[in-house]
Amino acid sequence: MPMIVQRFVDWTVSWLLMYGEAKLLLVIYLWHPSTRGAGHVYDGFLHPLVAWHEADIDRGLLELRARDVTASQLKAVAAIGQVWLVEAARCVPSQLQATRSGREGATH
């Protein structure tokens, strides 16, 4: 979601003069420890927003827990997906080689 917001903002205001420089200054302000920018943003904006929706967040977490979606299950699914990707990556070169061999045989 933050990436979508960033791309939309970039698309809408990138024509402004010194937009890139202003964006860089904002990132430095948020990152640098002496400015405590991230703390100010969290205390002033994010914390009140999260506190306002705390009941909804807790309800959503309880629904997830009720569905028995556990970290171990998610890890198992990720491991299966990783194995599938590795196997798919192994098959692609052999399929490309077979395709090349077939083309070379048809041209000769």
PDB file of N, CA and C in Angstrom:
ATOM      1  N   MET A   1       0.804  -1.196   0.000  1.00  0.00           N
ATOM      2  CA  MET A   1       0.000   0.000   0.000  1.00  0.00           C
ATOM      3  C   MET A   1       0.853   1.269   0.000  1.00  0.00           C
ATOM      4  N   PRO A   2       1.896   1.355   0.837  1.00  0.00           N
ATOM      5  CA  PRO A   2       2.709   2.569   0.792  1.00  0.00           C
ATOM      6  C   PRO A   2       3.346   2.796  -0.583  1.00  0.00           C
ATOM      7  N   MET A   3       3.692   1.713  -1.273  1.00  0.00           N
ATOM      8  CA  MET A   3       4.295   1.858  -2.593  1.00  0.00           C
ATOM      9  C   MET A   3       3.290   2.454  -3.576  1.00  0.00           C
ATOM     10  N   ILE A   4       2.033   2.078  -3.462  1.00  0.00           N
ATOM     11  CA  ILE A   4       0.994   2.619  -4.333  1.00  0.00           C
ATOM     12  C   ILE A   4       0.835   4.115  -4.080  1.00  0.00           C
ATOM     13  N   VAL A   5       0.812   4.486  -2.811  1.00  0.00           N
ATOM     14  CA  VAL A   5       0.679   5.898  -2.453  1.00  0.00           C
ATOM     15  C   VAL A   5       1.877   6.682  -2.980  1.00  0.00           C
ATOM     16  N   GLN A   6       3.080   6.135  -2.809  1.00  0.00           N
ATOM     17  CA  GLN A   6       4.280   6.820  -3.280  1.00  0.00           C
ATOM     18  C   GLN A   6       4.236   7.009  -4.782  1.00  0.00           C
ATOM     19  N   ARG A   7       3.858   5.987  -5.520  1.00  0.00           N
ATOM     20  CA  ARG A   7       3.813   6.117  -6.979  1.00  0.00           C
ATOM     21  C   ARG A   7       2.761   7.127  -7.414  1.00  0.00           C
ATOM     22  N   PHE A   8       1.621   7.150  -6.742  1.00  0.00           N
ATOM     23  CA  PHE A   8       0.578   8.115  -7.082  1.00  0.00           C
ATOM     24  C   PHE A   8       1.061   9.534  -6.813  1.00  0.00           C
ATOM     25  N   VAL A   9       1.675   9.756  -5.648  1.00  0.00           N
ATOM     26  CA  VAL A   9       2.185  11.088  -5.306  1.00  0.00           C
ATOM     27  C   VAL A   9       3.281  11.478  -6.287  1.00  0.00           C
ATOM     28  N   ASP A  10       4.187  10.553  -6.596  1.00  0.00           N
ATOM     29  CA  ASP A  10       5.242  10.854  -7.567  1.00  0.00           C
ATOM     30  C   ASP A  10       4.647  11.257  -8.909  1.00  0.00           C
ATOM     31  N   TRP A  11       3.629  10.540  -9.347  1.00  0.00           N
ATOM     32  CA  TRP A  11       3.009  10.812 -10.636  1.00  0.00           C
ATOM     33  C   TRP A  11       2.302  12.167 -10.647  1.00  0.00           C
ATOM     34  N   THR A  12       1.661  12.536  -9.527  1.00  0.00           N
ATOM     35  CA  THR A  12       0.868  13.764  -9.505  1.00  0.00           C
ATOM     36  C   THR A  12       1.691  15.018  -9.256  1.00  0.00           C
ATOM     37  N   VAL A  13       2.778  14.943  -8.505  1.00  0.00           N
ATOM     38  CA  VAL A  13       3.508  16.164  -8.156  1.00  0.00           C
ATOM     39  C   VAL A  13       4.957  16.170  -8.649  1.00  0.00           C
ATOM     40  N   SER A  14       5.341  15.221  -9.461  1.00  0.00           N
ATOM     41  CA  SER A  14       6.731  15.160  -9.903  1.00  0.00           C
ATOM     42  C   SER A  14       7.088  16.326 -10.823  1.00  0.00           C
ATOM     43  N   TRP A  15       6.117  17.012 -11.338  1.00  0.00           N
ATOM     44  CA  TRP A  15       6.385  18.153 -12.212  1.00  0.00           C
ATOM     45  C   TRP A  15       6.804  19.393 -11.424  1.00  0.00           C
ATOM     46  N   LEU A  16       6.612  19.396 -10.098  1.00  0.00           N
ATOM     47  CA  LEU A  16       7.005  20.542  -9.280  1.00  0.00           C
ATOM     48  C   LEU A  16       8.518  20.705  -9.276  1.00  0.00           C
ATOM     49  N   LEU A  17       8.952  21.943  -9.254  1.00  0.00           N
ATOM     50  CA  LEU A  17      10.383  22.214  -9.189  1.00  0.00           C
ATOM     51  C   LEU A  17      10.961  21.672  -7.889  1.00  0.00           C
ATOM     52  N   MET A  18      12.117  21.063  -7.975  1.00  0.00           N
ATOM     53  CA  MET A  18      12.863  20.542  -6.831  1.00  0.00           C
ATOM     54  C   MET A  18      12.084  19.483  -6.047  1.00  0.00           C
ATOM     55  N   TYR A  19      11.187  18.772  -6.703  1.00  0.00           N
ATOM     56  CA  TYR A  19      10.426  17.718  -6.031  1.00  0.00           C
ATOM     57  C   TYR A  19      11.364  16.616  -5.531  1.00  0.00           C
ATOM     58  N   GLY A  20      12.319  16.208  -6.360  1.00  0.00           N
ATOM     59  CA  GLY A  20      13.245  15.152  -5.966  1.00  0.00           C
ATOM     60  C   GLY A  20      14.074  15.543  -4.756  1.00  0.00           C
ATOM     61  N   GLU A  21      14.514  16.791  -4.733  1.00  0.00           N
ATOM     62  CA  GLU A  21      15.307  17.266  -3.609  1.00  0.00           C
ATOM     63  C   GLU A  21      14.478  17.321  -2.329  1.00  0.00           C
ATOM     64  N   ALA A  22      13.229  17.763  -2.457  1.00  0.00           N
ATOM     65  CA  ALA A  22      12.341  17.822  -1.285  1.00  0.00           C
ATOM     66  C   ALA A  22      12.059  16.427  -0.750  1.00  0.00           C
ATOM     67  N   LYS A  23      11.888  15.478  -1.641  1.00  0.00           N
ATOM     68  CA  LYS A  23      11.650  14.096  -1.231  1.00  0.00           C
ATOM     69  C   LYS A  23      12.879  13.540  -0.511  1.00  0.00           C
ATOM     70  N   LEU A  24      14.072  13.838  -1.017  1.00  0.00           N
ATOM     71  CA  LEU A  24      15.305  13.405  -0.375  1.00  0.00           C
ATOM     72  C   LEU A  24      15.433  14.021   1.022  1.00  0.00           C
ATOM     73  N   LEU A  25      15.125  15.297   1.152  1.00  0.00           N
ATOM     74  CA  LEU A  25      15.180  15.941   2.467  1.00  0.00           C
ATOM     75  C   LEU A  25      14.194  15.309   3.446  1.00  0.00           C
ATOM     76  N   LEU A  26      13.006  14.940   2.961  1.00  0.00           N
ATOM     77  CA  LEU A  26      12.029  14.275   3.820  1.00  0.00           C
ATOM     78  C   LEU A  26      12.566  12.935   4.308  1.00  0.00           C
ATOM     79  N   VAL A  27      13.164  12.161   3.423  1.00  0.00           N
ATOM     80  CA  VAL A  27      13.719  10.861   3.810  1.00  0.00           C
ATOM     81  C   VAL A  27      14.831  11.044   4.836  1.00  0.00           C
ATOM     82  N   ILE A  28      15.700  12.027   4.616  1.00  0.00           N
ATOM     83  CA  ILE A  28      16.775  12.286   5.580  1.00  0.00           C
ATOM     84  C   ILE A  28      16.196  12.710   6.919  1.00  0.00           C
ATOM     85  N   TYR A  29      15.180  13.575   6.903  1.00  0.00           N
ATOM     86  CA  TYR A  29      14.525  14.018   8.141  1.00  0.00           C
ATOM     87  C   TYR A  29      13.947  12.828   8.910  1.00  0.00           C
ATOM     88  N   LEU A  30      13.303  11.925   8.202  1.00  0.00           N
ATOM     89  CA  LEU A  30      12.703  10.756   8.856  1.00  0.00           C
ATOM     90  C   LEU A  30      13.769   9.787   9.359  1.00  0.00           C
ATOM     91  N   TRP A  31      14.880   9.678   8.653  1.00  0.00           N
ATOM     92  CA  TRP A  31      15.903   8.679   8.969  1.00  0.00           C
ATOM     93  C   TRP A  31      16.881   9.130  10.038  1.00  0.00           C
ATOM     94  N   HIS A  32      17.321  10.371   9.997  1.00  0.00           N
ATOM     95  CA  HIS A  32      18.446  10.802  10.831  1.00  0.00           C
ATOM     96  C   HIS A  32      18.062  10.867  12.309  1.00  0.00           C
ATOM     97  N   PRO A  33      18.870  10.269  13.185  1.00  0.00           N
ATOM     98  CA  PRO A  33      18.544  10.220  14.613  1.00  0.00           C
ATOM     99  C   PRO A  33      18.460  11.592  15.289  1.00  0.00           C
ATOM    100  N   SER A  34      19.240  12.561  14.833  1.00  0.00           N
ATOM    101  CA  SER A  34      19.231  13.853  15.524  1.00  0.00           C
ATOM    102  C   SER A  34      17.941  14.631  15.286  1.00  0.00           C
ATOM    103  N   THR A  35      17.236  14.359  14.186  1.00  0.00           N
ATOM    104  CA  THR A  35      15.983  15.075  13.929  1.00  0.00           C
ATOM    105  C   THR A  35      14.784  14.409  14.586  1.00  0.00           C
ATOM    106  N   ARG A  36      14.904  13.116  14.877  1.00  0.00           N
ATOM    107  CA  ARG A  36      13.801  12.338  15.446  1.00  0.00           C
ATOM    108  C   ARG A  36      12.518  12.488  14.616  1.00  0.00           C
ATOM    109  N   GLY A  37      12.689  12.602  13.303  1.00  0.00           N
ATOM    110  CA  GLY A  37      11.561  12.819  12.401  1.00  0.00           C
ATOM    111  C   GLY A  37      10.561  11.678  12.410  1.00  0.00           C
ATOM    112  N   ALA A  38      11.053  10.449  12.378  1.00  0.00           N
ATOM    113  CA  ALA A  38      10.146   9.303  12.382  1.00  0.00           C
ATOM    114  C   ALA A  38       9.344   9.260  13.679  1.00  0.00           C
ATOM    115  N   GLY A  39       9.973   9.613  14.787  1.00  0.00           N
ATOM    116  CA  GLY A  39       9.262   9.653  16.066  1.00  0.00           C
ATOM    117  C   GLY A  39       8.177  10.710  16.073  1.00  0.00           C
ATOM    118  N   HIS A  40       8.464  11.871  15.495  1.00  0.00           N
ATOM    119  CA  HIS A  40       7.462  12.934  15.426  1.00  0.00           C
ATOM    120  C   HIS A  40       6.273  12.510  14.560  1.00  0.00           C
ATOM    121  N   VAL A  41       6.570  11.874  13.433  1.00  0.00           N
ATOM    122  CA  VAL A  41       5.493  11.422  12.544  1.00  0.00           C
ATOM    123  C   VAL A  41       4.655  10.350  13.239  1.00  0.00           C
ATOM    124  N   TYR A  42       5.321   9.413  13.918  1.00  0.00           N
ATOM    125  CA  TYR A  42       4.578   8.362  14.610  1.00  0.00           C
ATOM    126  C   TYR A  42       3.725   8.946  15.728  1.00  0.00           C
ATOM    127  N   ASP A  43       4.338   9.776  16.589  1.00  0.00           N
ATOM    128  CA  ASP A  43       3.597  10.342  17.724  1.00  0.00           C
ATOM    129  C   ASP A  43       2.473  11.259  17.276  1.00  0.00           C
ATOM    130  N   GLY A  44       2.684  12.009  16.218  1.00  0.00           N
ATOM    131  CA  GLY A  44       1.693  12.985  15.797  1.00  0.00           C
ATOM    132  C   GLY A  44       0.603  12.446  14.898  1.00  0.00           C
ATOM    133  N   PHE A  45       0.916  11.407  14.093  1.00  0.00           N
ATOM    134  CA  PHE A  45      -0.052  10.949  13.100  1.00  0.00           C
ATOM    135  C   PHE A  45      -0.415   9.474  13.245  1.00  0.00           C
ATOM    136  N   LEU A  46       0.596   8.609  13.256  1.00  0.00           N
ATOM    137  CA  LEU A  46       0.315   7.171  13.215  1.00  0.00           C
ATOM    138  C   LEU A  46      -0.253   6.631  14.522  1.00  0.00           C
ATOM    139  N   HIS A  47       0.318   7.028  15.651  1.00  0.00           N
ATOM    140  CA  HIS A  47      -0.171   6.516  16.931  1.00  0.00           C
ATOM    141  C   HIS A  47      -1.646   6.865  17.169  1.00  0.00           C
ATOM    142  N   PRO A  48      -2.077   8.113  16.957  1.00  0.00           N
ATOM    143  CA  PRO A  48      -3.509   8.399  17.129  1.00  0.00           C
ATOM    144  C   PRO A  48      -4.393   7.601  16.165  1.00  0.00           C
ATOM    145  N   LEU A  49      -3.920   7.399  14.948  1.00  0.00           N
ATOM    146  CA  LEU A  49      -4.701   6.630  13.975  1.00  0.00           C
ATOM    147  C   LEU A  49      -4.845   5.180  14.411  1.00  0.00           C
ATOM    148  N   VAL A  50      -3.736   4.576  14.858  1.00  0.00           N
ATOM    149  CA  VAL A  50      -3.781   3.187  15.318  1.00  0.00           C
ATOM    150  C   VAL A  50      -4.631   3.074  16.580  1.00  0.00           C
ATOM    151  N   ALA A  51      -4.500   4.033  17.486  1.00  0.00           N
ATOM    152  CA  ALA A  51      -5.303   3.998  18.710  1.00  0.00           C
ATOM    153  C   ALA A  51      -6.784   4.117  18.391  1.00  0.00           C
ATOM    154  N   TRP A  52      -7.127   4.923  17.402  1.00  0.00           N
ATOM    155  CA  TRP A  52      -8.532   5.116  17.015  1.00  0.00           C
ATOM    156  C   TRP A  52      -9.125   3.812  16.472  1.00  0.00           C
ATOM    157  N   HIS A  53      -8.334   3.031  15.771  1.00  0.00           N
ATOM    158  CA  HIS A  53      -8.809   1.788  15.146  1.00  0.00           C
ATOM    159  C   HIS A  53      -8.354   0.544  15.894  1.00  0.00           C
ATOM    160  N   GLU A  54      -7.945   0.695  17.146  1.00  0.00           N
ATOM    161  CA  GLU A  54      -7.405  -0.424  17.906  1.00  0.00           C
ATOM    162  C   GLU A  54      -8.404  -1.572  18.042  1.00  0.00           C
ATOM    163  N   ALA A  55      -9.663  -1.264  18.286  1.00  0.00           N
ATOM    164  CA  ALA A  55     -10.679  -2.314  18.443  1.00  0.00           C
ATOM    165  C   ALA A  55     -10.837  -3.111  17.146  1.00  0.00           C
ATOM    166  N   ASP A  56     -10.839  -2.429  16.004  1.00  0.00           N
ATOM    167  CA  ASP A  56     -10.965  -3.124  14.715  1.00  0.00           C
ATOM    168  C   ASP A  56      -9.745  -4.003  14.442  1.00  0.00           C
ATOM    169  N   ILE A  57      -8.564  -3.503  14.781  1.00  0.00           N
ATOM    170  CA  ILE A  57      -7.340  -4.277  14.585  1.00  0.00           C
ATOM    171  C   ILE A  57      -7.368  -5.524  15.461  1.00  0.00           C
ATOM    172  N   ASP A  58      -7.751  -5.360  16.732  1.00  0.00           N
ATOM    173  CA  ASP A  58      -7.819  -6.517  17.632  1.00  0.00           C
ATOM    174  C   ASP A  58      -8.841  -7.534  17.146  1.00  0.00           C
ATOM    175  N   ARG A  59      -9.975  -7.064  16.645  1.00  0.00           N
ATOM    176  CA  ARG A  59     -11.015  -7.963  16.131  1.00  0.00           C
ATOM    177  C   ARG A  59     -10.480  -8.748  14.935  1.00  0.00           C
ATOM    178  N   GLY A  60      -9.767  -8.069  14.042  1.00  0.00           N
ATOM    179  CA  GLY A  60      -9.189  -8.751  12.880  1.00  0.00           C
ATOM    180  C   GLY A  60      -8.167  -9.792  13.280  1.00  0.00           C
ATOM    181  N   LEU A  61      -7.347  -9.485  14.273  1.00  0.00           N
ATOM    182  CA  LEU A  61      -6.368 -10.459  14.751  1.00  0.00           C
ATOM    183  C   LEU A  61      -7.034 -11.669  15.380  1.00  0.00           C
ATOM    184  N   LEU A  62      -8.118 -11.442  16.120  1.00  0.00           N
ATOM    185  CA  LEU A  62      -8.851 -12.572  16.699  1.00  0.00           C
ATOM    186  C   LEU A  62      -9.477 -13.440  15.615  1.00  0.00           C
ATOM    187  N   GLU A  63      -9.971 -12.834  14.547  1.00  0.00           N
ATOM    188  CA  GLU A  63     -10.527 -13.610  13.436  1.00  0.00           C
ATOM    189  C   GLU A  63      -9.445 -14.462  12.777  1.00  0.00           C
ATOM    190  N   LEU A  64      -8.262 -13.895  12.626  1.00  0.00           N
ATOM    191  CA  LEU A  64      -7.158 -14.681  12.063  1.00  0.00           C
ATOM    192  C   LEU A  64      -6.797 -15.850  12.963  1.00  0.00           C
ATOM    193  N   ARG A  65      -6.768 -15.601  14.262  1.00  0.00           N
ATOM    194  CA  ARG A  65      -6.450 -16.663  15.206  1.00  0.00           C
ATOM    195  C   ARG A  65      -7.529 -17.741  15.160  1.00  0.00           C
ATOM    196  N   ALA A  66      -8.781 -17.347  14.998  1.00  0.00           N
ATOM    197  CA  ALA A  66      -9.875 -18.308  14.937  1.00  0.00           C
ATOM    198  C   ALA A  66      -9.779 -19.186  13.697  1.00  0.00           C
ATOM    199  N   ARG A  67      -9.186 -18.689  12.649  1.00  0.00           N
ATOM    200  CA  ARG A  67      -9.031 -19.466  11.417  1.00  0.00           C
ATOM    201  C   ARG A  67      -7.823 -20.392  11.477  1.00  0.00           C
ATOM    202  N   ASP A  68      -7.108 -20.367  12.591  1.00  0.00           N
ATOM    203  CA  ASP A  68      -5.923 -21.216  12.788  1.00  0.00           C
ATOM    204  C   ASP A  68      -4.839 -20.967  11.747  1.00  0.00           C
ATOM    205  N   VAL A  69      -4.685 -19.739  11.356  1.00  0.00           N
ATOM    206  CA  VAL A  69      -3.579 -19.390  10.474  1.00  0.00           C
ATOM    207  C   VAL A  69      -2.388 -19.137  11.377  1.00  0.00           C
ATOM    208  N   THR A  70      -1.493 -20.087  11.398  1.00  0.00           N
ATOM    209  CA  THR A  70      -0.339 -19.965  12.275  1.00  0.00           C
ATOM    210  C   THR A  70       0.912 -19.695  11.465  1.00  0.00           C
ATOM    211  N   ALA A  71       1.910 -19.235  12.153  1.00  0.00           N
ATOM    212  CA  ALA A  71       3.180 -18.947  11.489  1.00  0.00           C
ATOM    213  C   ALA A  71       3.788 -20.214  10.908  1.00  0.00           C
ATOM    214  N   SER A  72       3.629 -21.341  11.589  1.00  0.00           N
ATOM    215  CA  SER A  72       4.201 -22.588  11.068  1.00  0.00           C
ATOM    216  C   SER A  72       3.507 -23.013   9.780  1.00  0.00           C
ATOM    217  N   GLN A  73       2.190 -22.788   9.696  1.00  0.00           N
ATOM    218  CA  GLN A  73       1.481 -23.115   8.463  1.00  0.00           C
ATOM    219  C   GLN A  73       1.928 -22.215   7.320  1.00  0.00           C
ATOM    220  N   LEU A  74       2.109 -20.936   7.625  1.00  0.00           N
ATOM    221  CA  LEU A  74       2.567 -20.012   6.597  1.00  0.00           C
ATOM    222  C   LEU A  74       3.980 -20.367   6.137  1.00  0.00           C
ATOM    223  N   LYS A  75       4.836 -20.782   7.074  1.00  0.00           N
ATOM    224  CA  LYS A  75       6.192 -21.197   6.713  1.00  0.00           C
ATOM    225  C   LYS A  75       6.157 -22.441   5.835  1.00  0.00           C
ATOM    226  N   ALA A  76       5.256 -23.367   6.139  1.00  0.00           N
ATOM    227  CA  ALA A  76       5.146 -24.585   5.332  1.00  0.00           C
ATOM    228  C   ALA A  76       4.714 -24.248   3.909  1.00  0.00           C
ATOM    229  N   VAL A  77       3.756 -23.352   3.776  1.00  0.00           N
ATOM    230  CA  VAL A  77       3.302 -22.941   2.445  1.00  0.00           C
ATOM    231  C   VAL A  77       4.434 -22.243   1.703  1.00  0.00           C
ATOM    232  N   ALA A  78       5.188 -21.399   2.398  1.00  0.00           N
ATOM    233  CA  ALA A  78       6.311 -20.705   1.770  1.00  0.00           C
ATOM    234  C   ALA A  78       7.377 -21.695   1.321  1.00  0.00           C
ATOM    235  N   ALA A  79       7.627 -22.726   2.119  1.00  0.00           N
ATOM    236  CA  ALA A  79       8.624 -23.730   1.753  1.00  0.00           C
ATOM    237  C   ALA A  79       8.178 -24.503   0.514  1.00  0.00           C
ATOM    238  N   ILE A  80       6.901 -24.842   0.454  1.00  0.00           N
ATOM    239  CA  ILE A  80       6.377 -25.548  -0.721  1.00  0.00           C
ATOM    240  C   ILE A  80       6.506 -24.670  -1.952  1.00  0.00           C
ATOM    241  N   GLY A  81       6.169 -23.389  -1.812  1.00  0.00           N
ATOM    242  CA  GLY A  81       6.292 -22.462  -2.927  1.00  0.00           C
ATOM    243  C   GLY A  81       7.733 -22.309  -3.379  1.00  0.00           C
ATOM    244  N   GLN A  82       8.659 -22.292  -2.429  1.00  0.00           N
ATOM    245  CA  GLN A  82      10.069 -22.160  -2.764  1.00  0.00           C
ATOM    246  C   GLN A  82      10.554 -23.390  -3.529  1.00  0.00           C
ATOM    247  N   VAL A  83      10.152 -24.577  -3.092  1.00  0.00           N
ATOM    248  CA  VAL A  83      10.533 -25.806  -3.782  1.00  0.00           C
ATOM    249  C   VAL A  83       9.978 -25.792  -5.204  1.00  0.00           C
ATOM    250  N   TRP A  84       8.733 -25.344  -5.348  1.00  0.00           N
ATOM    251  CA  TRP A  84       8.117 -25.285  -6.666  1.00  0.00           C
ATOM    252  C   TRP A  84       8.883 -24.325  -7.577  1.00  0.00           C
ATOM    253  N   LEU A  85       9.277 -23.161  -7.039  1.00  0.00           N
ATOM    254  CA  LEU A  85      10.031 -22.197  -7.843  1.00  0.00           C
ATOM    255  C   LEU A  85      11.388 -22.744  -8.258  1.00  0.00           C
ATOM    256  N   VAL A  86      12.055 -23.455  -7.351  1.00  0.00           N
ATOM    257  CA  VAL A  86      13.353 -24.041  -7.682  1.00  0.00           C
ATOM    258  C   VAL A  86      13.185 -25.081  -8.783  1.00  0.00           C
ATOM    259  N   GLU A  87      12.168 -25.910  -8.653  1.00  0.00           N
ATOM    260  CA  GLU A  87      11.925 -26.922  -9.686  1.00  0.00           C
ATOM    261  C   GLU A  87      11.577 -26.273 -11.021  1.00  0.00           C
ATOM    262  N   ALA A  88      10.790 -25.214 -10.990  1.00  0.00           N
ATOM    263  CA  ALA A  88      10.437 -24.515 -12.229  1.00  0.00           C
ATOM    264  C   ALA A  88      11.678 -23.894 -12.849  1.00  0.00           C
ATOM    265  N   ALA A  89      12.563 -23.358 -12.036  1.00  0.00           N
ATOM    266  CA  ALA A  89      13.795 -22.754 -12.551  1.00  0.00           C
ATOM    267  C   ALA A  89      14.707 -23.812 -13.167  1.00  0.00           C
ATOM    268  N   ARG A  90      14.690 -25.007 -12.628  1.00  0.00           N
ATOM    269  CA  ARG A  90      15.502 -26.090 -13.200  1.00  0.00           C
ATOM    270  C   ARG A  90      14.939 -26.558 -14.530  1.00  0.00           C
ATOM    271  N   CYS A  91      13.621 -26.534 -14.679  1.00  0.00           N
ATOM    272  CA  CYS A  91      12.982 -27.017 -15.906  1.00  0.00           C
ATOM    273  C   CYS A  91      13.150 -26.050 -17.061  1.00  0.00           C
ATOM    274  N   VAL A  92      13.208 -24.765 -16.784  1.00  0.00           N
ATOM    275  CA  VAL A  92      13.269 -23.771 -17.849  1.00  0.00           C
ATOM    276  C   VAL A  92      14.504 -23.936 -18.719  1.00  0.00           C
ATOM    277  N   PRO A  93      15.719 -24.067 -18.168  1.00  0.00           N
ATOM    278  CA  PRO A  93      16.889 -24.236 -19.055  1.00  0.00           C
ATOM    279  C   PRO A  93      16.802 -25.492 -19.913  1.00  0.00           C
ATOM    280  N   SER A  94      16.307 -26.594 -19.363  1.00  0.00           N
ATOM    281  CA  SER A  94      16.218 -27.822 -20.159  1.00  0.00           C
ATOM    282  C   SER A  94      15.177 -27.667 -21.262  1.00  0.00           C
ATOM    283  N   GLN A  95      14.096 -26.954 -21.004  1.00  0.00           N
ATOM    284  CA  GLN A  95      13.094 -26.723 -22.041  1.00  0.00           C
ATOM    285  C   GLN A  95      13.644 -25.802 -23.122  1.00  0.00           C
ATOM    286  N   LEU A  96      14.422 -24.795 -22.723  1.00  0.00           N
ATOM    287  CA  LEU A  96      15.035 -23.912 -23.705  1.00  0.00           C
ATOM    288  C   LEU A  96      16.024 -24.675 -24.583  1.00  0.00           C
ATOM    289  N   GLN A  97      16.796 -25.566 -23.973  1.00  0.00           N
ATOM    290  CA  GLN A  97      17.769 -26.366 -24.725  1.00  0.00           C
ATOM    291  C   GLN A  97      17.043 -27.270 -25.712  1.00  0.00           C
ATOM    292  N   ALA A  98      15.935 -27.871 -25.282  1.00  0.00           N
ATOM    293  CA  ALA A  98      15.174 -28.746 -26.173  1.00  0.00           C
ATOM    294  C   ALA A  98      14.585 -27.953 -27.327  1.00  0.00           C
ATOM    295  N   THR A  99      14.116 -26.745 -27.055  1.00  0.00           N
ATOM    296  CA  THR A  99      13.551 -25.903 -28.101  1.00  0.00           C
ATOM    297  C   THR A  99      14.628 -25.509 -29.104  1.00  0.00           C
ATOM    298  N   ARG A 100      15.820 -25.149 -28.612  1.00  0.00           N
ATOM    299  CA  ARG A 100      16.921 -24.785 -29.493  1.00  0.00           C
ATOM    300  C   ARG A 100      17.349 -25.972 -30.357  1.00  0.00           C
ATOM    301  N   SER A 101      17.406 -27.147 -29.749  1.00  0.00           N
ATOM    302  CA  SER A 101      17.806 -28.350 -30.490  1.00  0.00           C
ATOM    303  C   SER A 101      16.793 -28.638 -31.577  1.00  0.00           C
ATOM    304  N   GLY A 102      15.528 -28.464 -31.286  1.00  0.00           N
ATOM    305  CA  GLY A 102      14.490 -28.709 -32.273  1.00  0.00           C
ATOM    306  C   GLY A 102      14.574 -27.734 -33.424  1.00  0.00           C
ATOM    307  N   ARG A 103      14.878 -26.477 -33.140  1.00  0.00           N
ATOM    308  CA  ARG A 103      15.008 -25.475 -34.204  1.00  0.00           C
ATOM    309  C   ARG A 103      16.229 -25.752 -35.071  1.00  0.00           C
ATOM    310  N   GLU A 104      17.340 -26.115 -34.438  1.00  0.00           N
ATOM    311  CA  GLU A 104      18.553 -26.380 -35.187  1.00  0.00           C
ATOM    312  C   GLU A 104      18.369 -27.589 -36.091  1.00  0.00           C
ATOM    313  N   GLY A 105      17.676 -28.602 -35.600  1.00  0.00           N
ATOM    314  CA  GLY A 105      17.447 -29.803 -36.405  1.00  0.00           C
ATOM    315  C   GLY A 105      16.536 -29.508 -37.591  1.00  0.00           C
ATOM    316  N   ALA A 106      15.575 -28.574 -37.418  1.00  0.00           N
ATOM    317  CA  ALA A 106      14.640 -28.253 -38.493  1.00  0.00           C
ATOM    318  C   ALA A 106      15.321 -27.394 -39.563  1.00  0.00           C
ATOM    319  N   THR A 107      16.311 -26.603 -39.212  1.00  0.00           N
ATOM    320  CA  THR A 107      16.971 -25.739 -40.174  1.00  0.00           C
ATOM    321  C   THR A 107      18.051 -26.468 -40.965  1.00  0.00           C
ATOM    322  N   HIS A 108      18.591 -27.549 -40.429  1.00  0.00           N
ATOM    323  CA  HIS A 108      19.674 -28.263 -41.110  1.00  0.00           C
ATOM    324  C   HIS A 108      19.145 -29.327 -41.992  1.00  0.00           C
TER     325      HIS A 108
END
